Amino acid sequence: MQHEVGSIVEGKVTGITKFGAFVELEGGSVGMVHISEISQSYVNDINDYLKEQQIVKVKILNIGDDGKISLSIKRTLPPPQHSQQGGSSHRREGGGRPPQAGGRPPRTGGGNGGNRGFSSRGPAPSKDNSFEDMLSKFMKSSDEKFSDTKQPERRRGSRQKRGSYDYD
């Protein structure tokens, strides 16, 4: 059977690797779903999402000149729903990405390194402020921070020329 780019078909997962999963389509052709195309949330381990012999819906993204078929599972899923309650929406039930190696939670700014003074979870903008007000405040804050990092300019001619020292 001839497959067309953009069509959504069913297939059976035949193999799982650390970078993706192989899916057998109708007609015996095999395509690959890259790890980034498995779910709309962060995928650390493909085995948490897929099992061998599982039947899945896939979208055909590309068919290369060499016959390789690129597939996507996440593009067959409905778009993620964003929370309207004012809270942040999480892609996973546990919230965001899983902890980094060593069990530490991901860094969120502040501290002594990285983007000093910036946080990925800053205060929510007040509804009373217009965009122009918020932009003005940001520019003022940015200019103040930038001016603190500037080196004082050296003046030319403030040093005496070599060899013209006055020895009294």
Protein backbone atom coordinates (compact mmCIF):
# COMPACT_ATOMS: atom_id res chain seq x y z
CA MET A 1 0.00 0.00 0.00
CA GLN A 2 1.26 3.46 -0.90
CA HIS A 3 1.34 5.92 2.01
CA GLU A 4 0.87 9.67 1.67
CA VAL A 5 2.52 12.41 3.72
CA GLY A 6 -0.01 13.98 6.10
CA SER A 7 -2.26 10.93 6.35
CA ILE A 8 -3.11 9.36 9.70
CA VAL A 9 -2.89 5.57 9.84
CA GLU A 10 -2.68 2.81 12.43
CA GLY A 11 0.39 0.72 13.00
CA LYS A 12 1.95 -1.71 15.43
CA VAL A 13 5.01 -0.85 17.55
CA THR A 14 7.68 -3.37 16.56
CA GLY A 15 10.69 -1.99 18.38
CA ILE A 16 11.71 0.60 20.95
CA THR A 17 15.09 2.34 21.20
CA LYS A 18 16.31 5.19 23.37
CA PHE A 19 15.72 7.68 20.54
CA GLY A 20 12.37 6.47 19.17
CA ALA A 21 10.04 3.64 18.26
CA PHE A 22 9.62 1.65 15.06
CA VAL A 23 6.06 1.18 13.84
CA GLU A 24 4.94 -1.29 11.17
CA LEU A 25 2.29 0.20 8.92
CA GLU A 26 -0.25 -1.47 6.64
CA GLY A 27 1.46 -3.13 3.70
CA GLY A 28 4.50 -4.12 5.77
CA SER A 29 6.41 -0.84 5.56
CA VAL A 30 8.12 0.35 8.75
CA GLY A 31 8.48 3.94 9.93
CA MET A 32 10.07 5.56 12.96
CA VAL A 33 8.54 7.85 15.58
CA HIS A 34 11.29 10.04 17.06
CA ILE A 35 11.19 10.49 20.87
CA SER A 36 10.21 14.15 20.38
CA GLU A 37 7.13 13.07 18.39
CA ILE A 38 5.70 10.61 20.96
CA SER A 39 3.91 12.90 23.39
CA GLN A 40 3.11 16.57 23.91
CA SER A 41 4.85 16.34 27.28
CA TYR A 42 8.53 15.69 27.98
CA VAL A 43 9.48 12.07 27.28
CA ASN A 44 12.41 10.77 29.29
CA ASP A 45 11.78 7.05 28.76
CA ILE A 46 9.79 5.84 25.76
CA ASN A 47 8.79 2.71 27.66
CA ASP A 48 6.61 4.92 29.88
CA TYR A 49 4.47 5.71 26.82
CA LEU A 50 4.72 2.75 24.43
CA LYS A 51 5.02 -1.03 24.55
CA GLU A 52 5.98 -3.44 21.78
CA GLN A 53 3.02 -4.90 19.85
CA GLN A 54 0.87 -1.89 20.86
CA ILE A 55 -1.41 -0.52 18.13
CA VAL A 56 -1.00 3.25 17.73
CA LYS A 57 -2.30 6.03 15.48
CA VAL A 58 0.47 7.84 13.65
CA LYS A 59 0.71 10.74 11.22
CA ILE A 60 3.09 10.36 8.30
CA LEU A 61 5.41 13.38 8.45
CA ASN A 62 7.86 12.57 5.68
CA ILE A 63 8.84 9.85 3.26
CA GLY A 64 12.48 10.24 2.27
CA ASP A 65 13.98 9.48 -1.12
CA ASP A 66 15.61 6.47 0.52
CA GLY A 67 12.18 5.15 1.62
CA LYS A 68 12.53 6.07 5.30
CA ILE A 69 9.21 7.07 6.83
CA SER A 70 9.06 9.65 9.64
CA LEU A 71 6.02 9.34 11.89
CA SER A 72 4.41 11.27 14.74
CA ILE A 73 2.04 10.14 17.47
CA LYS A 74 1.71 13.52 19.18
CA ARG A 75 0.38 15.19 16.03
CA THR A 76 -2.60 12.82 16.09
CA LEU A 77 -3.52 13.94 19.61
CA PRO A 78 -5.80 16.90 20.40
CA PRO A 79 -3.92 20.10 21.31
CA PRO A 80 -3.07 20.46 25.02
CA GLN A 81 -5.64 22.33 27.05
CA HIS A 82 -4.45 25.42 28.87
CA SER A 83 -5.85 26.21 32.27
CA GLN A 84 -8.14 29.23 32.40
CA GLN A 85 -8.02 29.34 36.23
CA GLY A 86 -4.99 31.63 36.42
CA GLY A 87 -2.70 28.81 37.53
CA SER A 88 -0.02 27.44 35.29
CA SER A 89 -0.92 24.45 33.16
CA HIS A 90 1.25 21.41 33.50
CA ARG A 91 2.04 19.00 30.75
CA ARG A 92 2.30 16.09 33.17
CA GLU A 93 0.23 15.21 36.18
CA GLY A 94 3.28 15.65 38.39
CA GLY A 95 3.94 19.06 36.83
CA GLY A 96 6.62 19.91 34.28
CA ARG A 97 9.71 17.89 33.62
CA PRO A 98 10.82 15.13 35.94
CA PRO A 99 13.67 15.90 38.36
CA GLN A 100 17.15 15.94 36.89
CA ALA A 101 19.67 13.19 37.51
CA GLY A 102 20.59 12.96 41.18
CA GLY A 103 17.01 13.67 42.27
CA ARG A 104 17.45 17.44 42.23
CA PRO A 105 14.58 19.58 40.97
CA PRO A 106 15.37 21.79 37.94
CA ARG A 107 16.83 25.24 38.64
CA THR A 108 14.41 28.14 38.36
CA GLY A 109 16.75 31.13 38.38
CA GLY A 110 17.94 33.28 41.25
CA GLY A 111 20.94 31.93 43.16
CA ASN A 112 24.49 32.82 42.21
CA GLY A 113 24.61 31.51 38.65
CA GLY A 114 22.76 31.46 35.38
CA ASN A 115 20.44 34.34 34.63
CA ARG A 116 20.83 36.46 37.70
CA GLY A 117 17.79 38.44 38.61
CA PHE A 118 15.52 36.53 36.27
CA SER A 119 13.19 33.74 37.26
CA SER A 120 11.15 31.45 35.06
CA ARG A 121 8.24 31.96 37.44
CA GLY A 122 8.07 35.67 38.06
CA PRO A 123 5.04 37.44 39.46
CA ALA A 124 2.05 37.53 37.16
CA PRO A 125 1.52 40.94 35.54
CA SER A 126 -1.20 43.02 37.09
CA LYS A 127 -4.29 43.44 34.95
CA ASP A 128 -4.23 47.20 35.70
CA ASN A 129 -0.97 47.69 33.81
CA SER A 130 -1.07 48.15 30.07
CA PHE A 131 1.51 46.50 27.87
CA GLU A 132 3.27 49.84 27.41
CA ASP A 133 3.54 50.32 31.21
CA MET A 134 5.01 46.86 31.68
CA LEU A 135 7.42 47.38 28.78
CA SER A 136 8.50 50.74 30.21
CA LYS A 137 9.18 49.20 33.63
CA PHE A 138 11.10 46.34 32.05
CA MET A 139 13.24 48.70 29.95
CA LYS A 140 14.03 50.88 32.98
CA SER A 141 15.00 47.83 35.05
CA SER A 142 17.05 46.44 32.18
CA ASP A 143 18.88 49.75 31.65
CA GLU A 144 19.71 49.96 35.37
CA LYS A 145 21.10 46.43 35.41
CA PHE A 146 23.05 47.03 32.22
CA SER A 147 24.57 50.29 33.48
CA ASP A 148 25.82 48.46 36.61
CA THR A 149 27.82 46.10 34.40
CA LYS A 150 29.49 48.77 32.26
CA GLN A 151 33.20 49.30 32.86
CA PRO A 152 34.31 52.91 33.40
CA GLU A 153 35.80 54.24 30.20
CA ARG A 154 39.52 55.01 30.18
CA ARG A 155 40.45 58.50 29.23
CA ARG A 156 43.12 58.96 26.63
CA GLY A 157 45.94 61.19 27.60
CA SER A 158 45.43 60.79 31.32
CA ARG A 159 48.73 58.94 31.63
CA GLN A 160 52.03 60.58 31.12
CA LYS A 161 54.06 59.42 28.19
CA ARG A 162 56.71 56.82 28.90
CA GLY A 163 60.03 58.25 29.81
CA SER A 164 58.71 61.64 30.86
CA TYR A 165 58.54 60.98 34.61
CA ASP A 166 59.41 63.91 36.86
CA TYR A 167 62.12 62.93 39.43
CA ASP A 168 62.45 65.77 41.92
